[in-house]
Amino acid sequence: MSVVDERAAETAQQGTDEAAASDGPCCTVTMADRTLELRLLRERVHHGPSSSATEAQRAKGKLTARERLELLFDEGSFTEVEQLRRHRASGFGLERRRPHTDGVLTGWGLVHGRTVFAYAHDFRIFGGSLGEAHAEKIHKVMDLAHTAGAPIVGLCDGAGARIQEGVTALAGYGGIFRRNVRSSGVIPQISVILGPCAGGAAYSPALTDFVFMVQGTSQMFITGPDVVQAVTGEKISHEGLGGAKVHSATSGVAAFSYGDEAACLADVRYLLSLLPSNNRELPPREPTEDPADRRAERLAELVPAHTAHGYDARAVIAELVDDGEYFEVHEQWAGNVVCALARLGGRVAGLVANQPAVLAGVLDIEASEKAARFVQFCDSFNIPLVTLVDVPGFLPGVDQEHGGIIRHGAKLLYAYCNATVPRIQVILRKAYGGAYIVMDSRSIGADLSYAWPTNEIAVMGAEGAANVVFRKEIAAAADPEAERRSKIEEYRDNLMHPYYAAERGLVDDVIDPADTRSVLIRSLDMLGSKHADLPARKHGNQPQ
């Protein structure tokens, strides 16, 4: 050591000794004391406000916020941020109640080894209501998720805006909504409703990609039963107004509904395993022991050749995908179309299928909205689309026309036309009129179109077409019914035979149904490097 260094060291030691001497009794507090103090504080925060509050939570059949996070994340992987945050509001007694966390836990962890961010309302503290500090914690973790390019999951169990904090609480919700929109199509956003979610709080889940609910404990509504009764005179329970059954089967707000929180959070984890972390990545590909060239022989038995006979599209999907496993979205709503995520050859794909078992697979307002939303989501996150077509058309009727079937049907058309991911159409049987076009036909940009030998592609069914085209001949015939049957066959033979569309280049190939799986996997492999650019624009003005 040089002389200069020795003198510097002596000076530093002298300064330290003098400071220690001048500190007096305070110097007896050591780093170990402060560390112990921190540890004890963290333990108190971890255990929550009181045992009675925890018991009250469990009496409702609900887990605590920390128990939920433990189920969501890989064991021991959750890192909490702003655990010691407290509100700074005053008035109405708030200054005397300043619990740590301010009623929301925020941070990140691993789900199947990949980073995911989350926030979880703690109903035991201020009923999980949102105030300034509470909102800022959520803003922080949403910003981190956006910056890191990782999914975010909101575990919602709160009483809405904290009334005692007034407009500050409302501004906090505005910040959440703005971040929801900014991250839309950038990172997957999932809302899990595990308790009340009322008023303005309900809009954030509506802006996210998927909403999960638990039967009996979770409710969502803009105005509660008391307000509804006061304004309209209608008496209804919380569950009847906005419970899991209502939103999963009637309103379509919730994509998934479960009997308990553990099953719900297990499927949140499973959904995340199918999704990329952000819009710049591809979904994770997993190895499979299900052979890519496996012949799906059962399809010939599952799907009747006669178009008037129904079948379950889910059975077709199960036969095609890896190991028969698929994850259906909105299973209980708009059952005439099936939307599901699955793997084909280890590659994640989004499947859209008309469901002949419900309303003959016809497209209506709700089915169009359901499929459009799903197509748009898949396109946002680089998930290829496979469309299984067996559709007789759009549902006719005054209610549908007055309800805006034109506008709602256009949503599905817009979603497909705007999608740049690999798109493959498979026509199983009937594909009539505008519904054929909308279900990702070649004319609106499908990369590949295949058809089974049972396909019937036409403006309308042979019976209706014959009545229009040969109306005069049928009316003038000695036996109109026999003439009508003859003209139906003539129309079918000329314009609806299985190879008509293939002959005109509107179908790429007519395939054996048993080969569908292998054809799809080879096609997806070929399209894996597809790149398509949209026109330079701020955004489109899609139908609403």
Protein backbone atom coordinates (compact mmCIF):
# COMPACT_ATOMS: atom_id res chain seq x y z
CA MET A 1 0.00 0.00 0.00
CA SER A 2 1.39 3.47 -0.85
CA VAL A 3 1.90 6.21 1.71
CA VAL A 4 -1.07 8.10 0.28
CA ASP A 5 -3.28 5.03 0.60
CA GLU A 6 -2.14 4.41 4.18
CA ARG A 7 -2.95 7.98 5.18
CA ALA A 8 -6.37 7.79 3.50
CA ALA A 9 -7.15 4.59 5.37
CA GLU A 10 -6.08 6.10 8.69
CA THR A 11 -8.21 9.17 8.06
CA ALA A 12 -11.24 7.07 7.19
CA GLN A 13 -10.86 4.94 10.33
CA GLN A 14 -10.45 8.03 12.47
CA GLY A 15 -13.60 9.54 11.01
CA THR A 16 -15.51 6.35 11.69
CA ASP A 17 -14.31 6.18 15.28
CA GLU A 18 -15.25 9.82 15.88
CA ALA A 19 -18.70 9.32 14.37
CA ALA A 20 -19.25 6.24 16.53
CA ALA A 21 -18.21 8.15 19.63
CA SER A 22 -20.49 11.08 18.84
CA ASP A 23 -23.51 8.86 18.16
CA GLY A 24 -23.76 7.88 21.78
CA PRO A 25 -26.34 5.19 22.66
CA CYS A 26 -27.67 4.97 19.04
CA CYS A 27 -24.61 3.12 17.99
CA THR A 28 -25.85 0.06 19.92
CA VAL A 29 -28.37 -0.69 17.10
CA THR A 30 -26.70 -3.16 14.77
CA MET A 31 -27.40 -4.36 11.26
CA ALA A 32 -28.60 -7.63 12.78
CA ASP A 33 -31.17 -5.70 14.86
CA ARG A 34 -32.49 -3.88 11.80
CA THR A 35 -32.61 -7.11 9.81
CA LEU A 36 -34.59 -8.82 12.58
CA GLU A 37 -36.95 -5.85 12.73
CA LEU A 38 -37.50 -6.14 8.95
CA ARG A 39 -38.08 -9.86 9.17
CA LEU A 40 -40.68 -9.50 11.91
CA LEU A 41 -42.42 -6.72 9.99
CA ARG A 42 -42.58 -8.84 6.85
CA GLU A 43 -44.00 -11.74 8.85
CA ARG A 44 -46.78 -9.52 10.24
CA VAL A 45 -47.60 -8.26 6.76
CA HIS A 46 -47.53 -11.78 5.38
CA HIS A 47 -50.04 -13.06 7.95
CA GLY A 48 -52.51 -10.28 7.13
CA PRO A 49 -54.58 -7.91 9.23
CA SER A 50 -56.12 -10.39 11.70
CA SER A 51 -57.09 -14.01 12.15
CA SER A 52 -60.78 -13.02 12.31
CA ALA A 53 -60.55 -11.38 8.88
CA THR A 54 -58.94 -14.51 7.49
CA GLU A 55 -61.62 -16.71 9.04
CA ALA A 56 -64.33 -14.50 7.56
CA GLN A 57 -62.73 -14.86 4.12
CA ARG A 58 -62.61 -18.64 4.39
CA ALA A 59 -66.17 -18.79 5.73
CA LYS A 60 -67.27 -17.45 2.33
CA GLY A 61 -65.46 -20.34 0.63
CA LYS A 62 -62.65 -18.07 -0.55
CA LEU A 63 -58.89 -18.30 -0.27
CA THR A 64 -56.68 -15.44 0.88
CA ALA A 65 -54.77 -13.38 -1.66
CA ARG A 66 -51.46 -15.06 -0.77
CA GLU A 67 -52.96 -18.54 -1.00
CA ARG A 68 -54.22 -17.70 -4.47
CA LEU A 69 -50.79 -16.49 -5.57
CA GLU A 70 -49.26 -19.70 -4.26
CA LEU A 71 -51.63 -21.69 -6.48
CA LEU A 72 -50.94 -19.49 -9.50
CA PHE A 73 -47.14 -19.50 -9.43
CA ASP A 74 -44.52 -22.22 -9.41
CA GLU A 75 -43.60 -23.06 -5.82
CA GLY A 76 -41.49 -20.40 -4.11
CA SER A 77 -41.14 -18.24 -7.24
CA PHE A 78 -43.29 -15.22 -6.32
CA THR A 79 -41.43 -11.95 -5.75
CA GLU A 80 -43.53 -9.25 -4.13
CA VAL A 81 -43.06 -5.54 -4.77
CA GLU A 82 -44.21 -2.62 -2.60
CA GLN A 83 -45.17 -4.97 0.22
CA LEU A 84 -44.70 -2.17 2.76
CA ARG A 85 -46.75 0.43 0.84
CA ARG A 86 -49.33 2.33 2.92
CA HIS A 87 -51.91 4.90 1.92
CA ARG A 88 -51.47 8.57 2.84
CA ALA A 89 -55.14 9.55 2.84
CA SER A 90 -56.82 11.28 5.76
CA GLY A 91 -60.37 11.92 6.83
CA PHE A 92 -63.19 9.54 7.75
CA GLY A 93 -60.78 7.74 10.08
CA LEU A 94 -58.39 6.63 7.34
CA GLU A 95 -55.43 8.26 9.05
CA ARG A 96 -55.86 5.82 11.92
CA ARG A 97 -55.96 2.77 9.61
CA ARG A 98 -52.87 2.46 7.45
CA PRO A 99 -52.24 -1.27 6.89
CA HIS A 100 -49.27 -2.37 4.83
CA THR A 101 -49.96 -3.50 1.18
CA ASP A 102 -53.06 -1.22 1.17
CA GLY A 103 -55.17 -4.21 0.21
CA VAL A 104 -53.40 -5.48 -2.91
CA LEU A 105 -50.42 -7.78 -3.43
CA THR A 106 -48.30 -7.16 -6.51
CA GLY A 107 -45.26 -8.78 -8.05
CA TRP A 108 -44.06 -11.46 -10.41
CA GLY A 109 -43.22 -15.15 -10.43
CA LEU A 110 -42.89 -18.16 -12.69
CA VAL A 111 -45.63 -20.21 -14.33
CA HIS A 112 -44.19 -23.37 -15.88
CA GLY A 113 -40.80 -21.68 -15.67
CA ARG A 114 -41.81 -18.48 -17.51
CA THR A 115 -42.18 -15.00 -15.99
CA VAL A 116 -45.72 -13.81 -15.27
CA PHE A 117 -46.81 -10.69 -13.37
CA ALA A 118 -49.83 -10.55 -11.09
CA TYR A 119 -51.81 -8.46 -8.66
CA ALA A 120 -54.24 -9.86 -6.11
CA HIS A 121 -56.83 -7.89 -4.15
CA ASP A 122 -56.86 -8.69 -0.43
CA PHE A 123 -60.49 -8.47 0.65
CA ARG A 124 -59.43 -8.56 4.30
CA ILE A 125 -58.04 -5.01 4.00
CA PHE A 126 -60.59 -2.30 3.23
CA GLY A 127 -62.64 -4.97 1.41
CA GLY A 128 -60.05 -4.94 -1.37
CA SER A 129 -61.25 -1.47 -2.35
CA LEU A 130 -59.08 0.68 -4.58
CA GLY A 131 -57.50 3.90 -3.32
CA GLU A 132 -54.58 5.99 -4.53
CA ALA A 133 -51.75 3.81 -3.16
CA HIS A 134 -53.60 0.62 -4.11
CA ALA A 135 -54.01 1.84 -7.69
CA GLU A 136 -50.40 3.00 -7.98
CA LYS A 137 -49.21 -0.47 -7.00
CA ILE A 138 -51.29 -2.00 -9.78
CA HIS A 139 -50.07 0.65 -12.24
CA LYS A 140 -46.49 -0.22 -11.28
CA VAL A 141 -46.85 -3.95 -11.91
CA MET A 142 -48.78 -3.37 -15.15
CA ASP A 143 -45.98 -1.10 -16.38
CA LEU A 144 -43.39 -3.71 -15.42
CA ALA A 145 -45.29 -6.42 -17.29
CA HIS A 146 -45.53 -4.26 -20.39
CA THR A 147 -41.82 -3.35 -20.24
CA ALA A 148 -40.68 -6.92 -19.56
CA GLY A 149 -42.98 -8.36 -22.24
CA ALA A 150 -44.68 -10.84 -19.91
CA PRO A 151 -48.33 -11.77 -19.23
CA ILE A 152 -50.24 -10.20 -16.37
CA VAL A 153 -52.94 -11.86 -14.27
CA GLY A 154 -55.36 -9.90 -12.08
CA LEU A 155 -56.93 -11.77 -9.16
CA CYS A 156 -59.98 -9.62 -8.50
CA ASP A 157 -61.77 -9.64 -5.14
CA GLY A 158 -62.60 -6.07 -4.22
CA ALA A 159 -65.42 -3.76 -3.31
CA GLY A 160 -64.66 -1.19 -6.01
CA ALA A 161 -63.46 2.37 -5.48
CA ARG A 162 -62.58 3.40 -1.92
CA ILE A 163 -65.33 5.91 -1.25
CA GLN A 164 -63.37 7.73 1.46
CA GLU A 165 -60.71 8.74 -1.08
CA GLY A 166 -63.19 10.22 -3.54
CA VAL A 167 -62.15 11.14 -7.06
CA THR A 168 -58.56 10.02 -6.42
CA ALA A 169 -59.80 6.44 -6.41
CA LEU A 170 -61.66 6.97 -9.69
CA ALA A 171 -58.52 8.37 -11.28
CA GLY A 172 -56.74 5.20 -10.17
CA TYR A 173 -59.19 3.12 -12.19
CA GLY A 174 -58.64 5.35 -15.19
CA GLY A 175 -54.92 4.58 -15.02
CA ILE A 176 -55.67 0.85 -14.99
CA PHE A 177 -58.00 1.08 -17.98
CA ARG A 178 -55.47 3.07 -19.97
CA ARG A 179 -52.81 0.46 -19.29
CA ASN A 180 -55.21 -2.36 -20.20
CA VAL A 181 -55.70 -0.78 -23.61
CA ARG A 182 -52.02 0.01 -24.10
CA SER A 183 -51.06 -3.60 -23.42
CA SER A 184 -53.91 -5.07 -25.49
CA GLY A 185 -52.40 -7.29 -28.17
CA VAL A 186 -48.93 -6.73 -26.69
CA ILE A 187 -48.98 -9.05 -23.66
CA PRO A 188 -51.65 -11.57 -22.64
CA GLN A 189 -53.95 -10.12 -19.97
CA ILE A 190 -56.08 -12.43 -17.83
CA SER A 191 -58.66 -11.46 -15.21
CA VAL A 192 -59.71 -13.95 -12.54
CA ILE A 193 -62.83 -12.89 -10.65
CA LEU A 194 -62.74 -14.45 -7.19
CA GLY A 195 -65.18 -12.20 -5.33
CA PRO A 196 -67.15 -9.01 -6.02
CA CYS A 197 -66.16 -6.86 -8.98
CA ALA A 198 -68.66 -4.03 -9.25
CA GLY A 199 -69.05 -0.63 -10.82
CA GLY A 200 -66.06 0.80 -12.63
CA ALA A 201 -63.94 -2.12 -11.45
CA ALA A 202 -65.79 -4.39 -13.89
CA TYR A 203 -64.45 -2.54 -16.91
CA SER A 204 -60.85 -3.62 -16.45
CA PRO A 205 -61.65 -7.36 -16.81
CA ALA A 206 -63.79 -6.50 -19.85
CA LEU A 207 -60.71 -4.94 -21.47
CA THR A 208 -58.53 -8.02 -20.90
CA ASP A 209 -58.20 -11.09 -23.10
CA PHE A 210 -59.89 -13.69 -20.88
CA VAL A 211 -62.12 -13.61 -17.81
CA PHE A 212 -62.28 -16.53 -15.36
CA MET A 213 -65.02 -16.80 -12.69
CA VAL A 214 -65.85 -19.10 -9.77
CA GLN A 215 -69.42 -20.21 -9.19
CA GLY A 216 -71.06 -19.01 -6.02
CA THR A 217 -68.39 -16.53 -4.93
CA SER A 218 -67.66 -14.20 -7.84
CA GLN A 219 -69.96 -11.55 -9.25
CA MET A 220 -69.56 -8.78 -11.82
CA PHE A 221 -72.00 -5.97 -12.50
CA ILE A 222 -72.04 -2.24 -13.15
CA THR A 223 -74.97 -1.53 -10.81
CA GLY A 224 -75.82 -3.89 -7.96
CA PRO A 225 -79.16 -5.50 -7.09
CA ASP A 226 -80.21 -2.67 -4.75
CA VAL A 227 -79.75 -0.02 -7.43
CA VAL A 228 -81.50 -2.20 -10.03
CA GLN A 229 -84.50 -2.61 -7.71
CA ALA A 230 -84.60 1.11 -6.89
CA VAL A 231 -84.54 2.14 -10.55
CA THR A 232 -86.50 -0.62 -12.29
CA GLY A 233 -88.36 -2.38 -9.49
CA GLU A 234 -86.76 -5.70 -10.41
CA LYS A 235 -85.67 -7.89 -7.50
CA ILE A 236 -82.66 -10.08 -8.17
CA SER A 237 -79.80 -11.62 -6.20
CA HIS A 238 -76.12 -10.82 -6.65
CA GLU A 239 -75.59 -14.23 -8.22
CA GLY A 240 -78.61 -13.90 -10.49
CA LEU A 241 -77.50 -10.47 -11.67
CA GLY A 242 -73.82 -11.07 -12.28
CA GLY A 243 -72.71 -14.52 -11.14
CA ALA A 244 -70.45 -16.95 -12.96
CA LYS A 245 -73.34 -18.79 -14.61
CA VAL A 246 -74.83 -15.56 -15.95
CA HIS A 247 -71.59 -14.29 -17.45
CA SER A 248 -70.36 -17.62 -18.81
CA ALA A 249 -73.66 -18.73 -20.40
CA THR A 250 -75.75 -15.60 -21.01
CA SER A 251 -73.71 -12.41 -21.34
CA GLY A 252 -70.50 -13.93 -22.68
CA VAL A 253 -68.38 -11.71 -20.39
CA ALA A 254 -66.64 -14.71 -18.80
CA ALA A 255 -64.80 -17.21 -20.97
CA PHE A 256 -64.44 -19.81 -18.19
CA SER A 257 -66.42 -20.85 -15.10
CA TYR A 258 -65.36 -23.22 -12.28
CA GLY A 259 -66.67 -24.80 -9.12
CA ASP A 260 -63.72 -23.80 -6.93
CA GLU A 261 -60.69 -21.52 -6.91
CA ALA A 262 -58.09 -24.29 -7.11
CA ALA A 263 -59.53 -25.67 -10.36
CA CYS A 264 -59.86 -22.15 -11.73
CA LEU A 265 -56.24 -21.19 -11.06
CA ALA A 266 -55.00 -24.54 -12.38
CA ASP A 267 -56.61 -23.73 -15.73
CA VAL A 268 -55.18 -20.20 -15.68
CA ARG A 269 -51.77 -21.88 -15.48
CA TYR A 270 -52.71 -24.23 -18.32
CA LEU A 271 -53.90 -21.37 -20.52
CA LEU A 272 -50.63 -19.51 -19.92
CA SER A 273 -48.71 -22.62 -21.03
CA LEU A 274 -50.39 -22.28 -24.44
CA LEU A 275 -49.63 -18.59 -24.93
CA PRO A 276 -46.51 -16.65 -25.87
CA SER A 277 -45.20 -14.15 -23.35
CA ASN A 278 -45.83 -11.29 -25.76
CA ASN A 279 -46.70 -10.44 -29.35
CA ARG A 280 -43.08 -10.67 -30.48
CA GLU A 281 -42.79 -14.35 -29.61
CA LEU A 282 -44.32 -17.56 -30.90
CA PRO A 283 -46.36 -19.78 -28.56
CA PRO A 284 -44.24 -22.41 -26.78
CA ARG A 285 -43.92 -25.60 -28.82
CA GLU A 286 -43.95 -28.86 -26.88
CA PRO A 287 -42.78 -32.31 -27.96
CA THR A 288 -45.54 -34.88 -28.42
CA GLU A 289 -45.66 -38.65 -28.71
CA ASP A 290 -48.81 -38.41 -30.85
CA PRO A 291 -47.51 -39.17 -34.39
CA ALA A 292 -47.89 -36.37 -36.91
CA ASP A 293 -48.88 -38.91 -39.56
CA ARG A 294 -51.50 -40.62 -37.39
CA ARG A 295 -54.54 -41.41 -39.49
CA ALA A 296 -57.77 -40.15 -37.93
CA GLU A 297 -59.91 -43.06 -39.06
CA ARG A 298 -62.72 -42.32 -36.57
CA LEU A 299 -63.64 -39.12 -38.40
CA ALA A 300 -65.50 -41.13 -41.04
CA GLU A 301 -67.69 -42.52 -38.27
CA LEU A 302 -68.10 -39.27 -36.33
CA VAL A 303 -69.29 -37.13 -39.25
CA PRO A 304 -72.33 -38.41 -41.20
CA ALA A 305 -72.21 -37.90 -44.94
CA HIS A 306 -75.77 -36.56 -44.99
CA THR A 307 -75.76 -32.86 -44.17
CA ALA A 308 -79.09 -33.07 -42.34
CA HIS A 309 -77.59 -35.25 -39.62
CA GLY A 310 -75.78 -33.59 -36.73
CA TYR A 311 -72.61 -34.47 -34.82
CA ASP A 312 -70.42 -32.96 -32.10
CA ALA A 313 -67.63 -30.78 -33.49
CA ARG A 314 -65.72 -31.27 -30.23
CA ALA A 315 -65.28 -34.95 -31.07
CA VAL A 316 -63.77 -33.96 -34.43
CA ILE A 317 -61.35 -31.56 -32.74
CA ALA A 318 -60.34 -34.21 -30.19
CA GLU A 319 -59.58 -36.66 -33.00
CA LEU A 320 -57.37 -34.16 -34.83
CA VAL A 321 -55.27 -32.56 -32.09
CA ASP A 322 -52.33 -33.93 -30.09
CA ASP A 323 -53.45 -36.53 -27.55
CA GLY A 324 -57.06 -35.40 -27.90
CA GLU A 325 -56.40 -32.41 -25.61
CA TYR A 326 -57.89 -28.99 -26.29
CA PHE A 327 -58.83 -25.96 -24.20
CA GLU A 328 -62.24 -24.60 -25.15
CA VAL A 329 -63.01 -20.90 -24.80
CA HIS A 330 -66.58 -19.77 -23.98
CA GLU A 331 -67.74 -23.38 -23.76
CA GLN A 332 -71.14 -22.40 -22.30
CA TRP A 333 -71.90 -19.40 -24.53
CA ALA A 334 -72.82 -19.33 -28.23
CA GLY A 335 -72.61 -23.09 -28.50
CA ASN A 336 -73.20 -23.12 -32.26
CA VAL A 337 -69.53 -22.34 -32.78
CA VAL A 338 -66.60 -23.96 -30.96
CA CYS A 339 -63.38 -22.03 -30.26
CA ALA A 340 -60.44 -23.86 -28.73
CA LEU A 341 -56.69 -23.78 -28.27
CA ALA A 342 -54.81 -27.02 -28.88
CA ARG A 343 -51.57 -28.39 -30.25
CA LEU A 344 -50.99 -29.97 -33.64
CA GLY A 345 -47.60 -31.62 -33.91
CA GLY A 346 -46.59 -29.74 -30.75
CA ARG A 347 -47.48 -26.37 -32.29
CA VAL A 348 -50.24 -24.29 -30.65
CA ALA A 349 -53.18 -23.51 -32.95
CA GLY A 350 -56.54 -21.82 -32.55
CA LEU A 351 -59.44 -23.90 -33.86
CA VAL A 352 -62.78 -22.44 -34.90
CA ALA A 353 -65.49 -24.96 -35.79
CA ASN A 354 -69.17 -24.71 -36.62
CA GLN A 355 -71.13 -26.92 -34.22
CA PRO A 356 -73.89 -28.89 -36.03
CA ALA A 357 -75.13 -30.20 -32.67
CA VAL A 358 -76.39 -26.71 -31.76
CA LEU A 359 -78.72 -24.83 -34.13
CA ALA A 360 -77.29 -26.94 -36.97
CA GLY A 361 -74.06 -24.89 -36.72
CA VAL A 362 -75.69 -21.74 -38.06
CA LEU A 363 -73.96 -18.39 -37.47
CA ASP A 364 -75.88 -15.86 -35.38
CA ILE A 365 -75.06 -12.67 -33.50
CA GLU A 366 -73.46 -14.32 -30.48
CA ALA A 367 -71.55 -16.95 -32.47
CA SER A 368 -70.14 -14.23 -34.73
CA GLU A 369 -68.97 -12.16 -31.76
CA LYS A 370 -67.46 -15.17 -30.00
CA ALA A 371 -65.52 -16.36 -33.04
CA ALA A 372 -64.43 -12.83 -34.02
CA ARG A 373 -62.99 -12.15 -30.58
CA PHE A 374 -61.14 -15.47 -30.63
CA VAL A 375 -59.73 -14.96 -34.13
CA GLN A 376 -58.56 -11.49 -33.18
CA PHE A 377 -56.84 -12.80 -30.05
CA CYS A 378 -55.04 -15.57 -31.93
CA ASP A 379 -53.86 -13.12 -34.57
CA SER A 380 -52.56 -10.77 -31.86
CA PHE A 381 -50.35 -13.46 -30.36
CA ASN A 382 -49.07 -15.32 -33.41
CA ILE A 383 -51.34 -18.36 -33.00
CA PRO A 384 -52.18 -20.04 -36.35
CA LEU A 385 -55.86 -20.49 -37.17
CA VAL A 386 -57.56 -23.69 -38.31
CA THR A 387 -61.21 -23.29 -39.33
CA LEU A 388 -63.45 -26.36 -39.59
CA VAL A 389 -66.45 -25.44 -41.74
CA ASP A 390 -69.90 -27.00 -41.69
CA VAL A 391 -72.27 -24.06 -41.86
CA PRO A 392 -75.75 -23.72 -43.42
CA GLY A 393 -75.64 -19.91 -43.35
CA PHE A 394 -76.59 -17.06 -41.05
CA LEU A 395 -79.60 -17.49 -38.79
CA PRO A 396 -82.68 -15.87 -40.37
CA GLY A 397 -85.23 -14.04 -38.26
CA VAL A 398 -86.60 -10.66 -37.24
CA ASP A 399 -84.76 -10.72 -33.90
CA GLN A 400 -81.45 -11.35 -35.63
CA GLU A 401 -81.95 -8.63 -38.22
CA HIS A 402 -83.13 -6.09 -35.66
CA GLY A 403 -80.33 -7.11 -33.32
CA GLY A 404 -77.76 -6.22 -35.96
CA ILE A 405 -76.68 -9.54 -37.47
CA ILE A 406 -75.19 -7.58 -40.39
CA ARG A 407 -72.98 -5.57 -38.05
CA HIS A 408 -72.08 -8.48 -35.80
CA GLY A 409 -71.46 -10.89 -38.66
CA ALA A 410 -69.13 -8.29 -40.15
CA LYS A 411 -67.00 -8.49 -36.99
CA LEU A 412 -66.05 -12.07 -37.82
CA LEU A 413 -65.43 -11.17 -41.45
CA TYR A 414 -63.22 -8.26 -40.40
CA ALA A 415 -61.27 -10.39 -37.90
CA TYR A 416 -60.40 -13.03 -40.50
CA CYS A 417 -59.59 -10.51 -43.24
CA ASN A 418 -57.30 -8.62 -40.87
CA ALA A 419 -55.48 -11.70 -39.56
CA THR A 420 -51.89 -12.22 -40.73
CA VAL A 421 -51.15 -15.51 -38.94
CA PRO A 422 -51.19 -18.80 -40.88
CA ARG A 423 -54.81 -19.58 -41.80
CA ILE A 424 -56.09 -22.97 -42.93
CA GLN A 425 -59.69 -23.79 -43.83
CA VAL A 426 -61.12 -27.32 -43.86
CA ILE A 427 -64.64 -27.75 -45.30
CA LEU A 428 -66.19 -30.84 -43.77
CA ARG A 429 -69.66 -30.74 -45.32
CA LYS A 430 -71.93 -27.82 -46.13
CA ALA A 431 -70.67 -24.29 -46.70
CA TYR A 432 -73.47 -22.07 -47.93
CA GLY A 433 -73.76 -18.45 -48.92
CA GLY A 434 -72.16 -15.57 -47.05
CA ALA A 435 -71.35 -17.82 -44.11
CA TYR A 436 -68.99 -19.83 -46.35
CA ILE A 437 -67.15 -16.64 -47.25
CA VAL A 438 -66.97 -15.46 -43.64
CA MET A 439 -65.60 -18.78 -42.32
CA ASP A 440 -62.11 -17.98 -43.67
CA SER A 441 -62.58 -18.88 -47.31
CA ARG A 442 -59.78 -18.53 -49.84
CA SER A 443 -61.41 -15.37 -51.15
CA ILE A 444 -60.81 -13.49 -47.89
CA GLY A 445 -57.23 -14.62 -47.45
CA ALA A 446 -56.98 -18.17 -46.14
CA ASP A 447 -53.53 -19.51 -47.00
CA LEU A 448 -54.81 -23.00 -47.70
CA SER A 449 -58.27 -24.48 -48.15
CA TYR A 450 -59.00 -28.21 -47.96
CA ALA A 451 -62.28 -30.06 -48.32
CA TRP A 452 -63.56 -33.49 -47.50
CA PRO A 453 -65.32 -35.47 -50.26
CA THR A 454 -68.61 -34.72 -48.46
CA ASN A 455 -68.28 -30.96 -49.06
CA GLU A 456 -71.14 -28.93 -50.51
CA ILE A 457 -70.12 -25.36 -51.34
CA ALA A 458 -72.88 -23.24 -52.84
CA VAL A 459 -74.85 -20.03 -52.62
CA MET A 460 -77.54 -21.98 -50.80
CA GLY A 461 -78.75 -25.54 -50.30
CA ALA A 462 -79.88 -27.48 -53.34
CA GLU A 463 -83.53 -27.48 -52.24
CA GLY A 464 -83.75 -23.72 -51.89
CA ALA A 465 -81.71 -23.11 -55.03
CA ALA A 466 -83.91 -25.38 -57.15
CA ASN A 467 -87.05 -23.59 -55.94
CA VAL A 468 -85.61 -20.29 -57.15
CA VAL A 469 -83.81 -21.28 -60.34
CA PHE A 470 -86.45 -23.71 -61.66
CA ARG A 471 -89.54 -22.04 -60.25
CA LYS A 472 -91.37 -21.81 -63.60
CA GLU A 473 -90.50 -25.34 -64.73
CA ILE A 474 -91.68 -26.81 -61.44
CA ALA A 475 -94.95 -24.87 -61.53
CA ALA A 476 -95.69 -25.93 -65.14
CA ALA A 477 -94.91 -29.62 -64.61
CA ALA A 478 -97.66 -32.26 -64.53
CA ASP A 479 -96.16 -33.56 -61.29
CA PRO A 480 -94.56 -30.50 -59.60
CA GLU A 481 -93.13 -32.50 -56.69
CA ALA A 482 -91.43 -35.04 -58.94
CA GLU A 483 -90.11 -32.21 -61.12
CA ARG A 484 -88.84 -30.43 -58.04
CA ARG A 485 -86.93 -33.52 -56.87
CA SER A 486 -85.45 -33.90 -60.34
CA LYS A 487 -84.31 -30.26 -60.45
CA ILE A 488 -82.78 -30.52 -56.98
CA GLU A 489 -80.62 -33.41 -58.15
CA GLU A 490 -79.76 -31.57 -61.35
CA TYR A 491 -78.60 -28.52 -59.39
CA ARG A 492 -76.64 -30.66 -56.94
CA ASP A 493 -74.95 -32.65 -59.72
CA ASN A 494 -73.97 -29.54 -61.68
CA LEU A 495 -72.99 -27.02 -59.01
CA MET A 496 -72.56 -28.84 -55.71
CA HIS A 497 -70.53 -31.94 -56.43
CA PRO A 498 -67.45 -32.44 -54.19
CA TYR A 499 -64.92 -31.29 -56.80
CA TYR A 500 -66.68 -28.20 -58.15
CA ALA A 501 -64.73 -25.72 -55.98
CA ALA A 502 -61.44 -27.61 -56.45
CA GLU A 503 -61.85 -27.46 -60.22
CA ARG A 504 -62.08 -23.69 -59.97
CA GLY A 505 -59.11 -23.24 -57.62
CA LEU A 506 -61.22 -22.22 -54.61
CA VAL A 507 -60.16 -25.35 -52.72
CA ASP A 508 -56.53 -26.49 -52.77
CA ASP A 509 -57.30 -30.17 -52.41
CA VAL A 510 -60.03 -32.65 -51.61
CA ILE A 511 -58.62 -34.92 -48.91
CA ASP A 512 -59.44 -38.16 -47.15
CA PRO A 513 -60.83 -37.20 -43.72
CA ALA A 514 -58.42 -39.67 -42.11
CA ASP A 515 -55.49 -37.64 -43.48
CA THR A 516 -56.71 -34.33 -42.04
CA ARG A 517 -54.37 -34.36 -39.04
CA SER A 518 -51.24 -35.02 -41.07
CA VAL A 519 -52.26 -32.51 -43.74
CA LEU A 520 -52.81 -29.81 -41.11
CA ILE A 521 -49.49 -30.44 -39.37
CA ARG A 522 -47.52 -30.40 -42.64
CA SER A 523 -49.32 -27.21 -43.70
CA LEU A 524 -48.65 -25.48 -40.38
CA ASP A 525 -44.99 -26.46 -40.57
CA MET A 526 -44.76 -24.96 -44.04
CA LEU A 527 -46.50 -21.74 -42.92
CA GLY A 528 -44.45 -21.44 -39.74
CA SER A 529 -42.28 -18.71 -41.23
CA LYS A 530 -45.16 -16.79 -42.83
CA HIS A 531 -44.75 -13.02 -42.81
CA ALA A 532 -47.48 -10.64 -43.91
CA ASP A 533 -47.65 -6.87 -43.61
CA LEU A 534 -50.78 -4.80 -43.13
CA PRO A 535 -51.19 -1.42 -44.84
CA ALA A 536 -49.64 1.57 -43.09
CA ARG A 537 -52.42 3.04 -40.95
CA LYS A 538 -53.15 4.05 -37.39
CA HIS A 539 -55.78 1.34 -37.01
CA GLY A 540 -58.80 0.04 -38.87
CA ASN A 541 -62.36 1.06 -38.08
CA GLN A 542 -63.76 -2.37 -37.36
CA PRO A 543 -67.50 -2.97 -36.91
CA GLN A 544 -68.73 -2.44 -33.35
